């Protein structure tokens, strides 16, 4: 399962509309998370042959098929609050927090 909240869809459409980049697909990828472990990130990218492709709210999302199988379900959300504003990617990926580092 792959889903995008209404707020995240609106914010991503604004980002894409204001982008000068010709690439308009958003890749979900694994990024190094330091002591907290890996997490999911987003970047503009072109499709590859081993991608799962999702069209949500008029936006094309790309996820490497083996990665998607490992972390699904994936939910893209946008939050704004005292902790900050930005996109949050939720999945079944577990955080490595608890190893003695500060994960605030």
N, C-alpha and C. Protein backbone atom coordinates (compact mmCIF):
# COMPACT_ATOMS: atom_id res chain seq x y z
N UNK A 1 0.83 -1.18 0.00
CA UNK A 1 0.00 0.00 0.00
C UNK A 1 0.89 1.25 0.00
N UNK A 2 0.50 2.21 -0.79
CA UNK A 2 1.18 3.50 -0.88
C UNK A 2 0.11 4.57 -0.87
N UNK A 3 0.24 5.55 0.03
CA UNK A 3 -0.77 6.60 0.08
C UNK A 3 -0.14 7.95 0.39
N UNK A 4 -0.86 8.99 0.00
CA UNK A 4 -0.43 10.37 0.19
C UNK A 4 -1.60 11.12 0.80
N UNK A 5 -1.36 11.79 1.92
CA UNK A 5 -2.44 12.56 2.53
C UNK A 5 -2.80 13.75 1.65
N UNK A 6 -3.99 14.27 1.85
CA UNK A 6 -4.45 15.42 1.07
C UNK A 6 -3.50 16.61 1.22
N UNK A 7 -3.07 16.89 2.45
CA UNK A 7 -2.17 18.02 2.72
C UNK A 7 -0.83 17.82 2.02
N UNK A 8 -0.28 16.61 2.08
CA UNK A 8 1.00 16.34 1.41
C UNK A 8 0.87 16.50 -0.09
N UNK A 9 -0.24 16.03 -0.66
CA UNK A 9 -0.47 16.18 -2.09
C UNK A 9 -0.51 17.64 -2.50
N UNK A 10 -1.21 18.46 -1.73
CA UNK A 10 -1.30 19.89 -2.03
C UNK A 10 0.08 20.54 -1.98
N UNK A 11 0.85 20.23 -0.94
CA UNK A 11 2.18 20.83 -0.77
C UNK A 11 3.12 20.37 -1.88
N UNK A 12 3.07 19.09 -2.24
CA UNK A 12 3.94 18.58 -3.31
C UNK A 12 3.58 19.20 -4.65
N UNK A 13 2.30 19.41 -4.92
CA UNK A 13 1.89 20.07 -6.17
C UNK A 13 2.45 21.48 -6.23
N UNK A 14 2.46 22.19 -5.09
CA UNK A 14 3.04 23.53 -5.04
C UNK A 14 4.54 23.48 -5.32
N UNK A 15 5.23 22.53 -4.72
CA UNK A 15 6.68 22.39 -4.93
C UNK A 15 6.96 22.11 -6.41
N UNK A 16 6.23 21.17 -6.99
CA UNK A 16 6.45 20.81 -8.38
C UNK A 16 6.11 21.96 -9.32
N UNK A 17 5.06 22.70 -9.03
CA UNK A 17 4.66 23.82 -9.88
C UNK A 17 5.71 24.92 -9.88
N UNK A 18 6.42 25.08 -8.77
CA UNK A 18 7.43 26.13 -8.66
C UNK A 18 8.83 25.65 -9.02
N UNK A 19 8.98 24.38 -9.36
CA UNK A 19 10.28 23.81 -9.70
C UNK A 19 10.64 24.13 -11.14
N UNK A 20 11.91 24.48 -11.35
CA UNK A 20 12.40 24.71 -12.71
C UNK A 20 12.92 23.42 -13.32
N UNK A 21 13.01 22.37 -12.53
CA UNK A 21 13.49 21.08 -12.99
C UNK A 21 12.44 20.45 -13.91
N UNK A 22 12.88 19.86 -15.02
CA UNK A 22 11.94 19.22 -15.94
C UNK A 22 11.44 17.88 -15.41
N UNK A 23 12.17 17.28 -14.49
CA UNK A 23 11.76 16.00 -13.92
C UNK A 23 10.64 16.28 -12.92
N UNK A 24 9.54 15.58 -13.07
CA UNK A 24 8.38 15.82 -12.21
C UNK A 24 7.94 14.58 -11.44
N UNK A 25 8.77 13.52 -11.42
CA UNK A 25 8.47 12.33 -10.63
C UNK A 25 9.24 12.40 -9.31
N UNK A 26 8.62 11.90 -8.26
CA UNK A 26 9.24 11.94 -6.93
C UNK A 26 9.66 10.54 -6.53
N UNK A 27 10.97 10.38 -6.29
CA UNK A 27 11.50 9.10 -5.84
C UNK A 27 11.50 9.04 -4.32
N UNK A 28 11.03 7.91 -3.80
CA UNK A 28 11.15 7.59 -2.38
C UNK A 28 12.37 6.68 -2.28
N UNK A 29 13.33 7.03 -1.43
CA UNK A 29 14.57 6.26 -1.35
C UNK A 29 15.00 6.10 0.10
N UNK A 30 15.93 5.18 0.33
CA UNK A 30 16.49 4.95 1.65
C UNK A 30 17.69 5.88 1.83
N UNK A 31 17.70 6.59 2.96
CA UNK A 31 18.83 7.47 3.26
C UNK A 31 19.42 7.09 4.60
N UNK A 32 20.72 7.31 4.74
CA UNK A 32 21.41 7.01 5.99
C UNK A 32 20.87 7.94 7.07
N UNK A 33 20.59 7.39 8.24
CA UNK A 33 20.03 8.20 9.31
C UNK A 33 20.96 8.40 10.48
N UNK A 34 22.25 8.14 10.33
CA UNK A 34 23.17 8.30 11.44
C UNK A 34 22.87 7.30 12.54
N UNK A 35 22.94 7.75 13.78
CA UNK A 35 22.75 6.83 14.90
C UNK A 35 21.31 6.34 15.02
N UNK A 36 20.36 7.06 14.40
CA UNK A 36 18.95 6.65 14.45
C UNK A 36 18.64 5.59 13.40
N UNK A 37 19.59 5.31 12.53
CA UNK A 37 19.38 4.31 11.49
C UNK A 37 18.82 4.92 10.23
N UNK A 38 18.59 4.08 9.23
CA UNK A 38 18.11 4.59 7.94
C UNK A 38 16.67 5.09 8.02
N UNK A 39 16.34 5.97 7.08
CA UNK A 39 14.98 6.48 6.98
C UNK A 39 14.67 6.70 5.50
N UNK A 40 13.43 7.01 5.21
CA UNK A 40 13.04 7.27 3.83
C UNK A 40 13.15 8.75 3.52
N UNK A 41 13.54 9.05 2.29
CA UNK A 41 13.64 10.43 1.82
C UNK A 41 12.96 10.57 0.47
N UNK A 42 12.88 11.80 -0.03
CA UNK A 42 12.26 12.07 -1.33
C UNK A 42 13.17 12.97 -2.16
N UNK A 43 13.15 12.74 -3.48
CA UNK A 43 13.90 13.58 -4.41
C UNK A 43 13.27 13.46 -5.79
N UNK A 44 13.49 14.45 -6.63
CA UNK A 44 13.04 14.37 -8.01
C UNK A 44 13.92 13.37 -8.75
N UNK A 45 13.30 12.53 -9.59
CA UNK A 45 14.07 11.50 -10.30
C UNK A 45 13.25 10.98 -11.47
N UNK A 46 13.92 10.22 -12.32
CA UNK A 46 13.26 9.57 -13.44
C UNK A 46 13.06 8.09 -13.12
N UNK A 47 12.07 7.48 -13.74
CA UNK A 47 11.74 6.07 -13.49
C UNK A 47 12.84 5.14 -13.98
N UNK A 48 13.01 4.04 -13.26
CA UNK A 48 13.92 2.97 -13.64
C UNK A 48 13.09 1.70 -13.87
N UNK A 49 13.69 0.71 -14.49
CA UNK A 49 12.93 -0.49 -14.85
C UNK A 49 12.48 -1.30 -13.63
N UNK A 50 13.16 -1.17 -12.50
CA UNK A 50 12.79 -1.97 -11.32
C UNK A 50 12.01 -1.16 -10.30
N UNK A 51 11.30 -0.12 -10.76
CA UNK A 51 10.51 0.73 -9.87
C UNK A 51 9.05 0.30 -9.81
N UNK A 52 8.47 0.47 -8.63
CA UNK A 52 7.02 0.49 -8.49
C UNK A 52 6.64 1.95 -8.77
N UNK A 53 5.60 2.17 -9.54
CA UNK A 53 5.17 3.52 -9.90
C UNK A 53 3.77 3.71 -9.35
N UNK A 54 3.60 4.80 -8.61
CA UNK A 54 2.30 5.13 -8.01
C UNK A 54 1.89 6.52 -8.48
N UNK A 55 0.67 6.64 -8.95
CA UNK A 55 0.11 7.94 -9.31
C UNK A 55 -0.92 8.29 -8.26
N UNK A 56 -0.59 9.26 -7.43
CA UNK A 56 -1.45 9.69 -6.34
C UNK A 56 -1.71 11.18 -6.47
N UNK A 57 -2.97 11.56 -6.56
CA UNK A 57 -3.38 12.97 -6.61
C UNK A 57 -2.69 13.71 -7.75
N UNK A 58 -2.46 13.01 -8.86
CA UNK A 58 -1.83 13.64 -10.02
C UNK A 58 -0.32 13.75 -9.93
N UNK A 59 0.28 13.08 -8.96
CA UNK A 59 1.74 13.12 -8.76
C UNK A 59 2.27 11.70 -8.95
N UNK A 60 3.37 11.56 -9.67
CA UNK A 60 3.99 10.25 -9.88
C UNK A 60 5.08 10.03 -8.85
N UNK A 61 4.96 8.92 -8.13
CA UNK A 61 5.95 8.52 -7.12
C UNK A 61 6.64 7.25 -7.60
N UNK A 62 7.95 7.18 -7.37
CA UNK A 62 8.76 6.03 -7.76
C UNK A 62 9.39 5.43 -6.51
N UNK A 63 9.34 4.10 -6.41
CA UNK A 63 10.01 3.41 -5.31
C UNK A 63 10.63 2.15 -5.89
N UNK A 64 11.92 1.94 -5.63
CA UNK A 64 12.58 0.73 -6.06
C UNK A 64 11.78 -0.46 -5.51
N UNK A 65 11.43 -1.42 -6.37
CA UNK A 65 10.56 -2.54 -6.00
C UNK A 65 11.05 -3.31 -4.78
N UNK A 66 12.34 -3.73 -4.70
CA UNK A 66 12.79 -4.44 -3.50
C UNK A 66 12.68 -3.58 -2.23
N UNK A 67 12.95 -2.28 -2.34
CA UNK A 67 12.81 -1.40 -1.19
C UNK A 67 11.35 -1.32 -0.77
N UNK A 68 10.45 -1.15 -1.73
CA UNK A 68 9.03 -1.05 -1.40
C UNK A 68 8.55 -2.32 -0.70
N UNK A 69 8.98 -3.48 -1.19
CA UNK A 69 8.59 -4.75 -0.56
C UNK A 69 9.07 -4.81 0.89
N UNK A 70 10.21 -4.19 1.17
CA UNK A 70 10.79 -4.20 2.51
C UNK A 70 10.10 -3.24 3.48
N UNK A 71 9.64 -2.09 2.98
CA UNK A 71 9.16 -1.04 3.90
C UNK A 71 7.66 -0.76 3.83
N UNK A 72 6.94 -1.40 2.90
CA UNK A 72 5.50 -1.08 2.78
C UNK A 72 4.75 -1.46 4.04
N UNK A 73 3.69 -0.77 4.32
CA UNK A 73 3.05 0.33 3.60
C UNK A 73 3.81 1.65 3.79
N UNK A 74 3.71 2.53 2.82
CA UNK A 74 4.34 3.85 2.87
C UNK A 74 3.25 4.91 2.83
N UNK A 75 3.35 5.88 3.74
CA UNK A 75 2.41 7.01 3.77
C UNK A 75 3.23 8.30 3.73
N UNK A 76 2.91 9.18 2.78
CA UNK A 76 3.54 10.49 2.68
C UNK A 76 2.58 11.50 3.30
N UNK A 77 3.08 12.26 4.28
CA UNK A 77 2.25 13.24 4.96
C UNK A 77 3.01 14.56 5.03
N UNK A 78 2.30 15.62 5.37
CA UNK A 78 2.90 16.94 5.57
C UNK A 78 2.38 17.46 6.90
N UNK A 79 3.30 17.86 7.77
CA UNK A 79 2.90 18.35 9.09
C UNK A 79 3.46 19.74 9.33
N UNK A 80 2.75 20.49 10.16
CA UNK A 80 3.18 21.83 10.56
C UNK A 80 2.82 21.99 12.02
N UNK A 81 3.84 22.26 12.84
CA UNK A 81 3.58 22.40 14.26
C UNK A 81 4.79 22.95 14.98
N UNK A 82 4.78 22.91 16.31
CA UNK A 82 5.88 23.46 17.10
C UNK A 82 7.22 22.79 16.83
N UNK A 83 7.19 21.52 16.42
CA UNK A 83 8.43 20.79 16.14
C UNK A 83 9.01 21.14 14.77
N UNK A 84 8.21 21.81 13.92
CA UNK A 84 8.68 22.18 12.59
C UNK A 84 7.64 21.86 11.53
N UNK A 85 8.01 22.14 10.30
CA UNK A 85 7.13 21.95 9.16
C UNK A 85 7.86 21.13 8.12
N UNK A 86 7.18 20.14 7.55
CA UNK A 86 7.80 19.37 6.49
C UNK A 86 7.09 18.07 6.20
N UNK A 87 7.67 17.34 5.27
CA UNK A 87 7.11 16.07 4.85
C UNK A 87 7.58 14.95 5.80
N UNK A 88 6.67 14.05 6.09
CA UNK A 88 6.96 12.88 6.93
C UNK A 88 6.64 11.65 6.10
N UNK A 89 7.57 10.71 6.04
CA UNK A 89 7.34 9.45 5.35
C UNK A 89 7.27 8.34 6.39
N UNK A 90 6.11 7.73 6.52
CA UNK A 90 5.91 6.65 7.47
C UNK A 90 5.93 5.33 6.72
N UNK A 91 6.52 4.32 7.37
CA UNK A 91 6.58 2.99 6.76
C UNK A 91 6.78 1.96 7.87
N UNK A 92 6.96 0.72 7.46
CA UNK A 92 7.23 -0.34 8.44
C UNK A 92 8.70 -0.37 8.83
N UNK A 93 9.52 0.53 8.28
CA UNK A 93 10.94 0.63 8.62
C UNK A 93 11.09 0.98 10.09
N UNK A 94 11.86 0.22 10.81
CA UNK A 94 12.05 0.44 12.24
C UNK A 94 13.26 1.33 12.49
N UNK A 95 13.13 2.25 13.44
CA UNK A 95 14.22 3.13 13.84
C UNK A 95 15.19 2.35 14.72
N UNK A 96 16.46 2.71 14.63
CA UNK A 96 17.47 2.07 15.46
C UNK A 96 17.68 2.84 16.76
N UNK A 97 16.78 3.77 17.07
CA UNK A 97 16.92 4.57 18.27
C UNK A 97 16.97 3.68 19.51
N UNK A 98 17.64 4.15 20.52
CA UNK A 98 17.78 3.36 21.73
C UNK A 98 19.20 2.85 21.88
N UNK A 99 20.08 3.26 20.97
CA UNK A 99 21.47 2.80 21.01
C UNK A 99 22.36 3.76 21.78
N UNK A 100 21.76 4.62 22.57
CA UNK A 100 22.56 5.54 23.37
C UNK A 100 22.73 6.91 22.77
N UNK A 101 22.17 7.15 21.60
CA UNK A 101 22.28 8.46 20.99
C UNK A 101 21.05 9.28 21.32
N UNK A 102 21.15 10.56 21.09
CA UNK A 102 20.00 11.45 21.31
C UNK A 102 19.19 11.52 20.04
N UNK A 103 17.96 11.07 20.08
CA UNK A 103 17.09 11.04 18.90
C UNK A 103 15.90 11.94 19.13
N UNK A 104 16.14 13.21 19.32
CA UNK A 104 15.02 14.13 19.57
C UNK A 104 14.58 14.79 18.31
